[in-house]
């Protein structure tokens, strides 16, 4: 089982330990690239892909590294809408 599959299983099974870095790595496997929303974006980070129509917006958590439960749910929903999960 590859890293991509492990991250998908982790995303679906235990959202309390899913980190922003995990999300960024997984999105990279799906050809999404990180794009800061602008100079005044603060912790908001947008992920875009030329292959998929949706843009994924996440708030980078600080000081913790784990995404909040609602962020994990939103990420799962957006990836399911694109047919990636």
PDB file of N, CA and C in Angstrom:
ATOM      1  N   UNK A   1       0.852  -1.180   0.000  1.00  0.00           N
ATOM      2  CA  UNK A   1       0.000   0.000   0.000  1.00  0.00           C
ATOM      3  C   UNK A   1       0.896   1.240   0.000  1.00  0.00           C
ATOM      4  N   UNK A   2       0.611   2.146  -0.900  1.00  0.00           N
ATOM      5  CA  UNK A   2       1.414   3.352  -1.028  1.00  0.00           C
ATOM      6  C   UNK A   2       1.009   4.446  -0.053  1.00  0.00           C
ATOM      7  N   UNK A   3       1.799   5.495  -0.040  1.00  0.00           N
ATOM      8  CA  UNK A   3       1.551   6.633   0.858  1.00  0.00           C
ATOM      9  C   UNK A   3       0.190   7.278   0.578  1.00  0.00           C
ATOM     10  N   UNK A   4      -0.168   7.382  -0.695  1.00  0.00           N
ATOM     11  CA  UNK A   4      -1.448   7.994  -1.055  1.00  0.00           C
ATOM     12  C   UNK A   4      -2.606   7.216  -0.441  1.00  0.00           C
ATOM     13  N   UNK A   5      -2.579   5.892  -0.570  1.00  0.00           N
ATOM     14  CA  UNK A   5      -3.639   5.058  -0.030  1.00  0.00           C
ATOM     15  C   UNK A   5      -3.680   5.137   1.497  1.00  0.00           C
ATOM     16  N   UNK A   6      -2.509   5.187   2.133  1.00  0.00           N
ATOM     17  CA  UNK A   6      -2.456   5.304   3.592  1.00  0.00           C
ATOM     18  C   UNK A   6      -3.086   6.610   4.065  1.00  0.00           C
ATOM     19  N   UNK A   7      -2.811   7.694   3.340  1.00  0.00           N
ATOM     20  CA  UNK A   7      -3.391   8.985   3.710  1.00  0.00           C
ATOM     21  C   UNK A   7      -4.905   8.997   3.519  1.00  0.00           C
ATOM     22  N   UNK A   8      -5.383   8.345   2.467  1.00  0.00           N
ATOM     23  CA  UNK A   8      -6.828   8.264   2.234  1.00  0.00           C
ATOM     24  C   UNK A   8      -7.493   7.504   3.376  1.00  0.00           C
ATOM     25  N   UNK A   9      -6.911   6.371   3.759  1.00  0.00           N
ATOM     26  CA  UNK A   9      -7.464   5.597   4.877  1.00  0.00           C
ATOM     27  C   UNK A   9      -7.445   6.393   6.175  1.00  0.00           C
ATOM     28  N   UNK A  10      -6.340   7.103   6.402  1.00  0.00           N
ATOM     29  CA  UNK A  10      -6.229   7.924   7.610  1.00  0.00           C
ATOM     30  C   UNK A  10      -7.284   9.016   7.611  1.00  0.00           C
ATOM     31  N   UNK A  11      -7.488   9.660   6.470  1.00  0.00           N
ATOM     32  CA  UNK A  11      -8.477  10.727   6.357  1.00  0.00           C
ATOM     33  C   UNK A  11      -9.870  10.205   6.685  1.00  0.00           C
ATOM     34  N   UNK A  12     -10.190   9.030   6.181  1.00  0.00           N
ATOM     35  CA  UNK A  12     -11.528   8.481   6.367  1.00  0.00           C
ATOM     36  C   UNK A  12     -11.739   7.862   7.744  1.00  0.00           C
ATOM     37  N   UNK A  13     -10.664   7.450   8.420  1.00  0.00           N
ATOM     38  CA  UNK A  13     -10.852   6.679   9.643  1.00  0.00           C
ATOM     39  C   UNK A  13     -10.595   7.436  10.946  1.00  0.00           C
ATOM     40  N   UNK A  14      -9.668   8.373  10.966  1.00  0.00           N
ATOM     41  CA  UNK A  14      -9.326   8.997  12.238  1.00  0.00           C
ATOM     42  C   UNK A  14      -9.048  10.486  12.048  1.00  0.00           C
ATOM     43  N   UNK A  15     -10.086  11.280  11.874  1.00  0.00           N
ATOM     44  CA  UNK A  15      -9.885  12.685  11.526  1.00  0.00           C
ATOM     45  C   UNK A  15      -9.202  13.528  12.594  1.00  0.00           C
ATOM     46  N   UNK A  16      -9.161  13.090  13.839  1.00  0.00           N
ATOM     47  CA  UNK A  16      -8.554  13.922  14.884  1.00  0.00           C
ATOM     48  C   UNK A  16      -7.048  13.983  14.800  1.00  0.00           C
ATOM     49  N   UNK A  17      -6.447  13.078  14.044  1.00  0.00           N
ATOM     50  CA  UNK A  17      -4.990  13.085  13.924  1.00  0.00           C
ATOM     51  C   UNK A  17      -4.543  13.446  12.514  1.00  0.00           C
ATOM     52  N   UNK A  18      -5.456  13.969  11.701  1.00  0.00           N
ATOM     53  CA  UNK A  18      -5.110  14.335  10.330  1.00  0.00           C
ATOM     54  C   UNK A  18      -4.561  15.761  10.331  1.00  0.00           C
ATOM     55  N   UNK A  19      -3.295  15.895   9.963  1.00  0.00           N
ATOM     56  CA  UNK A  19      -2.623  17.190  10.051  1.00  0.00           C
ATOM     57  C   UNK A  19      -2.747  17.977   8.754  1.00  0.00           C
ATOM     58  N   UNK A  20      -2.418  19.262   8.837  1.00  0.00           N
ATOM     59  CA  UNK A  20      -2.392  20.107   7.650  1.00  0.00           C
ATOM     60  C   UNK A  20      -1.369  19.570   6.651  1.00  0.00           C
ATOM     61  N   UNK A  21      -0.224  19.101   7.147  1.00  0.00           N
ATOM     62  CA  UNK A  21       0.798  18.530   6.261  1.00  0.00           C
ATOM     63  C   UNK A  21       0.287  17.281   5.554  1.00  0.00           C
ATOM     64  N   UNK A  22      -0.492  16.448   6.271  1.00  0.00           N
ATOM     65  CA  UNK A  22      -1.108  15.271   5.642  1.00  0.00           C
ATOM     66  C   UNK A  22      -2.029  15.708   4.508  1.00  0.00           C
ATOM     67  N   UNK A  23      -2.843  16.733   4.774  1.00  0.00           N
ATOM     68  CA  UNK A  23      -3.779  17.233   3.765  1.00  0.00           C
ATOM     69  C   UNK A  23      -3.029  17.765   2.551  1.00  0.00           C
ATOM     70  N   UNK A  24      -1.966  18.524   2.792  1.00  0.00           N
ATOM     71  CA  UNK A  24      -1.194  19.090   1.683  1.00  0.00           C
ATOM     72  C   UNK A  24      -0.546  17.986   0.845  1.00  0.00           C
ATOM     73  N   UNK A  25      -0.025  16.960   1.499  1.00  0.00           N
ATOM     74  CA  UNK A  25       0.584  15.839   0.785  1.00  0.00           C
ATOM     75  C   UNK A  25      -0.458  15.096  -0.039  1.00  0.00           C
ATOM     76  N   UNK A  26      -1.609  14.805   0.560  1.00  0.00           N
ATOM     77  CA  UNK A  26      -2.665  14.095  -0.152  1.00  0.00           C
ATOM     78  C   UNK A  26      -3.157  14.897  -1.348  1.00  0.00           C
ATOM     79  N   UNK A  27      -3.387  16.184  -1.151  1.00  0.00           N
ATOM     80  CA  UNK A  27      -3.847  17.028  -2.251  1.00  0.00           C
ATOM     81  C   UNK A  27      -2.806  17.085  -3.369  1.00  0.00           C
ATOM     82  N   UNK A  28      -1.543  17.024  -3.010  1.00  0.00           N
ATOM     83  CA  UNK A  28      -0.480  16.987  -4.010  1.00  0.00           C
ATOM     84  C   UNK A  28      -0.575  15.744  -4.890  1.00  0.00           C
ATOM     85  N   UNK A  29      -0.950  14.612  -4.291  1.00  0.00           N
ATOM     86  CA  UNK A  29      -1.145  13.384  -5.075  1.00  0.00           C
ATOM     87  C   UNK A  29      -2.273  13.551  -6.082  1.00  0.00           C
ATOM     88  N   UNK A  30      -3.226  14.411  -5.774  1.00  0.00           N
ATOM     89  CA  UNK A  30      -4.356  14.667  -6.666  1.00  0.00           C
ATOM     90  C   UNK A  30      -4.128  15.892  -7.551  1.00  0.00           C
ATOM     91  N   UNK A  31      -2.907  16.310  -7.712  1.00  0.00           N
ATOM     92  CA  UNK A  31      -2.456  17.429  -8.565  1.00  0.00           C
ATOM     93  C   UNK A  31      -2.893  18.805  -8.080  1.00  0.00           C
ATOM     94  N   UNK A  32      -3.274  18.934  -6.810  1.00  0.00           N
ATOM     95  CA  UNK A  32      -3.575  20.248  -6.248  1.00  0.00           C
ATOM     96  C   UNK A  32      -2.272  20.873  -5.775  1.00  0.00           C
ATOM     97  N   UNK A  33      -2.125  22.154  -6.008  1.00  0.00           N
ATOM     98  CA  UNK A  33      -0.944  22.865  -5.528  1.00  0.00           C
ATOM     99  C   UNK A  33      -1.375  23.978  -4.589  1.00  0.00           C
ATOM    100  N   UNK A  34      -0.510  24.282  -3.661  1.00  0.00           N
ATOM    101  CA  UNK A  34      -0.787  25.294  -2.641  1.00  0.00           C
ATOM    102  C   UNK A  34      -0.623  26.688  -3.227  1.00  0.00           C
ATOM    103  N   UNK A  35      -1.578  27.538  -2.917  1.00  0.00           N
ATOM    104  CA  UNK A  35      -1.532  28.910  -3.380  1.00  0.00           C
ATOM    105  C   UNK A  35      -2.030  29.789  -2.251  1.00  0.00           C
ATOM    106  N   UNK A  36      -1.158  30.585  -1.648  1.00  0.00           N
ATOM    107  CA  UNK A  36      -1.614  31.488  -0.595  1.00  0.00           C
ATOM    108  C   UNK A  36      -2.636  32.428  -1.193  1.00  0.00           C
ATOM    109  N   UNK A  37      -3.668  32.691  -0.462  1.00  0.00           N
ATOM    110  CA  UNK A  37      -4.808  33.437  -0.981  1.00  0.00           C
ATOM    111  C   UNK A  37      -4.480  34.900  -1.256  1.00  0.00           C
ATOM    112  N   UNK A  38      -3.371  35.382  -0.799  1.00  0.00           N
ATOM    113  CA  UNK A  38      -2.991  36.773  -1.013  1.00  0.00           C
ATOM    114  C   UNK A  38      -2.163  37.265   0.155  1.00  0.00           C
ATOM    115  N   UNK A  39      -1.680  38.482   0.045  1.00  0.00           N
ATOM    116  CA  UNK A  39      -0.819  39.025   1.099  1.00  0.00           C
ATOM    117  C   UNK A  39      -1.527  39.127   2.433  1.00  0.00           C
ATOM    118  N   UNK A  40      -2.824  39.342   2.398  1.00  0.00           N
ATOM    119  CA  UNK A  40      -3.573  39.500   3.645  1.00  0.00           C
ATOM    120  C   UNK A  40      -4.363  38.246   4.000  1.00  0.00           C
ATOM    121  N   UNK A  41      -3.963  37.117   3.461  1.00  0.00           N
ATOM    122  CA  UNK A  41      -4.732  35.896   3.664  1.00  0.00           C
ATOM    123  C   UNK A  41      -4.576  35.310   5.055  1.00  0.00           C
ATOM    124  N   UNK A  42      -3.542  35.693   5.772  1.00  0.00           N
ATOM    125  CA  UNK A  42      -3.326  35.126   7.099  1.00  0.00           C
ATOM    126  C   UNK A  42      -3.057  33.637   7.003  1.00  0.00           C
ATOM    127  N   UNK A  43      -3.843  32.848   7.718  1.00  0.00           N
ATOM    128  CA  UNK A  43      -3.626  31.408   7.715  1.00  0.00           C
ATOM    129  C   UNK A  43      -4.447  30.687   6.647  1.00  0.00           C
ATOM    130  N   UNK A  44      -5.176  31.434   5.831  1.00  0.00           N
ATOM    131  CA  UNK A  44      -5.986  30.808   4.774  1.00  0.00           C
ATOM    132  C   UNK A  44      -5.087  30.386   3.616  1.00  0.00           C
ATOM    133  N   UNK A  45      -5.231  29.141   3.224  1.00  0.00           N
ATOM    134  CA  UNK A  45      -4.435  28.590   2.132  1.00  0.00           C
ATOM    135  C   UNK A  45      -5.390  27.956   1.133  1.00  0.00           C
ATOM    136  N   UNK A  46      -5.195  28.256  -0.143  1.00  0.00           N
ATOM    137  CA  UNK A  46      -6.026  27.691  -1.195  1.00  0.00           C
ATOM    138  C   UNK A  46      -5.213  26.655  -1.960  1.00  0.00           C
ATOM    139  N   UNK A  47      -5.875  25.568  -2.302  1.00  0.00           N
ATOM    140  CA  UNK A  47      -5.269  24.543  -3.135  1.00  0.00           C
ATOM    141  C   UNK A  47      -6.040  24.518  -4.444  1.00  0.00           C
ATOM    142  N   UNK A  48      -5.316  24.608  -5.554  1.00  0.00           N
ATOM    143  CA  UNK A  48      -5.943  24.646  -6.868  1.00  0.00           C
ATOM    144  C   UNK A  48      -5.352  23.548  -7.741  1.00  0.00           C
ATOM    145  N   UNK A  49      -6.140  23.124  -8.721  1.00  0.00           N
ATOM    146  CA  UNK A  49      -5.695  22.110  -9.674  1.00  0.00           C
ATOM    147  C   UNK A  49      -6.220  22.472 -11.045  1.00  0.00           C
ATOM    148  N   UNK A  50      -5.376  22.325 -12.037  1.00  0.00           N
ATOM    149  CA  UNK A  50      -5.836  22.573 -13.406  1.00  0.00           C
ATOM    150  C   UNK A  50      -6.690  21.409 -13.899  1.00  0.00           C
ATOM    151  N   UNK A  51      -6.596  20.270 -13.214  1.00  0.00           N
ATOM    152  CA  UNK A  51      -7.338  19.075 -13.610  1.00  0.00           C
ATOM    153  C   UNK A  51      -8.764  19.063 -13.073  1.00  0.00           C
ATOM    154  N   UNK A  52      -8.959  19.645 -11.893  1.00  0.00           N
ATOM    155  CA  UNK A  52     -10.261  19.619 -11.224  1.00  0.00           C
ATOM    156  C   UNK A  52     -10.782  21.038 -11.070  1.00  0.00           C
ATOM    157  N   UNK A  53     -12.109  21.173 -11.092  1.00  0.00           N
ATOM    158  CA  UNK A  53     -12.693  22.519 -11.088  1.00  0.00           C
ATOM    159  C   UNK A  53     -12.771  23.154  -9.705  1.00  0.00           C
ATOM    160  N   UNK A  54     -12.761  22.338  -8.672  1.00  0.00           N
ATOM    161  CA  UNK A  54     -12.926  22.926  -7.343  1.00  0.00           C
ATOM    162  C   UNK A  54     -11.617  23.481  -6.802  1.00  0.00           C
ATOM    163  N   UNK A  55     -11.762  24.523  -6.011  1.00  0.00           N
ATOM    164  CA  UNK A  55     -10.642  25.077  -5.254  1.00  0.00           C
ATOM    165  C   UNK A  55     -10.907  24.716  -3.810  1.00  0.00           C
ATOM    166  N   UNK A  56      -9.879  24.274  -3.120  1.00  0.00           N
ATOM    167  CA  UNK A  56     -10.040  23.847  -1.741  1.00  0.00           C
ATOM    168  C   UNK A  56      -9.373  24.873  -0.840  1.00  0.00           C
ATOM    169  N   UNK A  57     -10.162  25.437   0.066  1.00  0.00           N
ATOM    170  CA  UNK A  57      -9.664  26.450   0.985  1.00  0.00           C
ATOM    171  C   UNK A  57      -9.579  25.856   2.379  1.00  0.00           C
ATOM    172  N   UNK A  58      -8.405  25.934   2.978  1.00  0.00           N
ATOM    173  CA  UNK A  58      -8.197  25.453   4.345  1.00  0.00           C
ATOM    174  C   UNK A  58      -7.545  26.540   5.168  1.00  0.00           C
ATOM    175  N   UNK A  59      -7.878  26.573   6.434  1.00  0.00           N
ATOM    176  CA  UNK A  59      -7.165  27.434   7.370  1.00  0.00           C
ATOM    177  C   UNK A  59      -6.058  26.599   7.982  1.00  0.00           C
ATOM    178  N   UNK A  60      -4.841  27.079   7.863  1.00  0.00           N
ATOM    179  CA  UNK A  60      -3.718  26.357   8.445  1.00  0.00           C
ATOM    180  C   UNK A  60      -3.798  26.526   9.958  1.00  0.00           C
ATOM    181  N   UNK A  61      -3.925  25.399  10.669  1.00  0.00           N
ATOM    182  CA  UNK A  61      -4.073  25.496  12.119  1.00  0.00           C
ATOM    183  C   UNK A  61      -2.785  25.948  12.802  1.00  0.00           C
ATOM    184  N   UNK A  62      -2.941  26.720  13.860  1.00  0.00           N
ATOM    185  CA  UNK A  62      -1.781  27.125  14.649  1.00  0.00           C
ATOM    186  C   UNK A  62      -2.252  27.400  16.066  1.00  0.00           C
ATOM    187  N   UNK A  63      -1.572  27.050  17.078  1.00  0.00           N
ATOM    188  CA  UNK A  63      -0.253  26.420  17.073  1.00  0.00           C
ATOM    189  C   UNK A  63      -0.310  24.907  16.855  1.00  0.00           C
ATOM    190  N   UNK A  64      -1.503  24.313  16.930  1.00  0.00           N
ATOM    191  CA  UNK A  64      -1.593  22.868  16.715  1.00  0.00           C
ATOM    192  C   UNK A  64      -1.338  22.543  15.244  1.00  0.00           C
ATOM    193  N   UNK A  65      -1.135  21.281  14.946  1.00  0.00           N
ATOM    194  CA  UNK A  65      -0.883  20.859  13.570  1.00  0.00           C
ATOM    195  C   UNK A  65      -2.082  20.137  12.963  1.00  0.00           C
ATOM    196  N   UNK A  66      -2.958  19.605  13.818  1.00  0.00           N
ATOM    197  CA  UNK A  66      -4.084  18.811  13.346  1.00  0.00           C
ATOM    198  C   UNK A  66      -5.221  19.703  12.853  1.00  0.00           C
ATOM    199  N   UNK A  67      -5.882  19.244  11.799  1.00  0.00           N
ATOM    200  CA  UNK A  67      -7.070  19.931  11.313  1.00  0.00           C
ATOM    201  C   UNK A  67      -8.209  19.675  12.292  1.00  0.00           C
ATOM    202  N   UNK A  68      -9.120  20.623  12.378  1.00  0.00           N
ATOM    203  CA  UNK A  68     -10.303  20.436  13.212  1.00  0.00           C
ATOM    204  C   UNK A  68     -11.273  19.498  12.500  1.00  0.00           C
ATOM    205  N   UNK A  69     -12.181  18.928  13.263  1.00  0.00           N
ATOM    206  CA  UNK A  69     -13.102  17.933  12.709  1.00  0.00           C
ATOM    207  C   UNK A  69     -13.908  18.475  11.524  1.00  0.00           C
ATOM    208  N   UNK A  70     -14.390  19.725  11.632  1.00  0.00           N
ATOM    209  CA  UNK A  70     -15.180  20.290  10.528  1.00  0.00           C
ATOM    210  C   UNK A  70     -14.328  20.456   9.267  1.00  0.00           C
ATOM    211  N   UNK A  71     -13.030  20.743   9.429  1.00  0.00           N
ATOM    212  CA  UNK A  71     -12.153  20.900   8.274  1.00  0.00           C
ATOM    213  C   UNK A  71     -11.954  19.563   7.563  1.00  0.00           C
ATOM    214  N   UNK A  72     -11.820  18.505   8.339  1.00  0.00           N
ATOM    215  CA  UNK A  72     -11.649  17.172   7.770  1.00  0.00           C
ATOM    216  C   UNK A  72     -12.909  16.783   7.005  1.00  0.00           C
ATOM    217  N   UNK A  73     -14.078  17.050   7.589  1.00  0.00           N
ATOM    218  CA  UNK A  73     -15.341  16.727   6.917  1.00  0.00           C
ATOM    219  C   UNK A  73     -15.467  17.495   5.602  1.00  0.00           C
ATOM    220  N   UNK A  74     -15.121  18.784   5.622  1.00  0.00           N
ATOM    221  CA  UNK A  74     -15.187  19.589   4.398  1.00  0.00           C
ATOM    222  C   UNK A  74     -14.230  19.050   3.339  1.00  0.00           C
ATOM    223  N   UNK A  75     -13.038  18.666   3.754  1.00  0.00           N
ATOM    224  CA  UNK A  75     -12.053  18.129   2.820  1.00  0.00           C
ATOM    225  C   UNK A  75     -12.565  16.836   2.192  1.00  0.00           C
ATOM    226  N   UNK A  76     -13.123  15.953   3.000  1.00  0.00           N
ATOM    227  CA  UNK A  76     -13.676  14.696   2.487  1.00  0.00           C
ATOM    228  C   UNK A  76     -14.794  14.988   1.495  1.00  0.00           C
ATOM    229  N   UNK A  77     -15.706  15.903   1.845  1.00  0.00           N
ATOM    230  CA  UNK A  77     -16.825  16.246   0.955  1.00  0.00           C
ATOM    231  C   UNK A  77     -16.335  16.789  -0.381  1.00  0.00           C
ATOM    232  N   UNK A  78     -15.347  17.674  -0.345  1.00  0.00           N
ATOM    233  CA  UNK A  78     -14.855  18.267  -1.581  1.00  0.00           C
ATOM    234  C   UNK A  78     -14.158  17.223  -2.457  1.00  0.00           C
ATOM    235  N   UNK A  79     -13.400  16.339  -1.847  1.00  0.00           N
ATOM    236  CA  UNK A  79     -12.723  15.301  -2.623  1.00  0.00           C
ATOM    237  C   UNK A  79     -13.717  14.290  -3.176  1.00  0.00           C
ATOM    238  N   UNK A  80     -14.788  14.014  -2.426  1.00  0.00           N
ATOM    239  CA  UNK A  80     -15.840  13.116  -2.931  1.00  0.00           C
ATOM    240  C   UNK A  80     -16.582  13.752  -4.096  1.00  0.00           C
ATOM    241  N   UNK A  81     -16.833  15.067  -4.040  1.00  0.00           N
ATOM    242  CA  UNK A  81     -17.504  15.758  -5.142  1.00  0.00           C
ATOM    243  C   UNK A  81     -16.709  15.672  -6.432  1.00  0.00           C
ATOM    244  N   UNK A  82     -15.393  15.657  -6.307  1.00  0.00           N
ATOM    245  CA  UNK A  82     -14.537  15.542  -7.490  1.00  0.00           C
ATOM    246  C   UNK A  82     -14.337  14.094  -7.905  1.00  0.00           C
ATOM    247  N   UNK A  83     -14.894  13.151  -7.153  1.00  0.00           N
ATOM    248  CA  UNK A  83     -14.767  11.741  -7.477  1.00  0.00           C
ATOM    249  C   UNK A  83     -13.411  11.154  -7.124  1.00  0.00           C
ATOM    250  N   UNK A  84     -12.720  11.805  -6.189  1.00  0.00           N
ATOM    251  CA  UNK A  84     -11.376  11.355  -5.825  1.00  0.00           C
ATOM    252  C   UNK A  84     -11.386  10.385  -4.651  1.00  0.00           C
ATOM    253  N   UNK A  85     -12.452  10.353  -3.901  1.00  0.00           N
ATOM    254  CA  UNK A  85     -12.574   9.397  -2.775  1.00  0.00           C
ATOM    255  C   UNK A  85     -13.749   8.489  -2.998  1.00  0.00           C
TER     256      UNK A  85
END
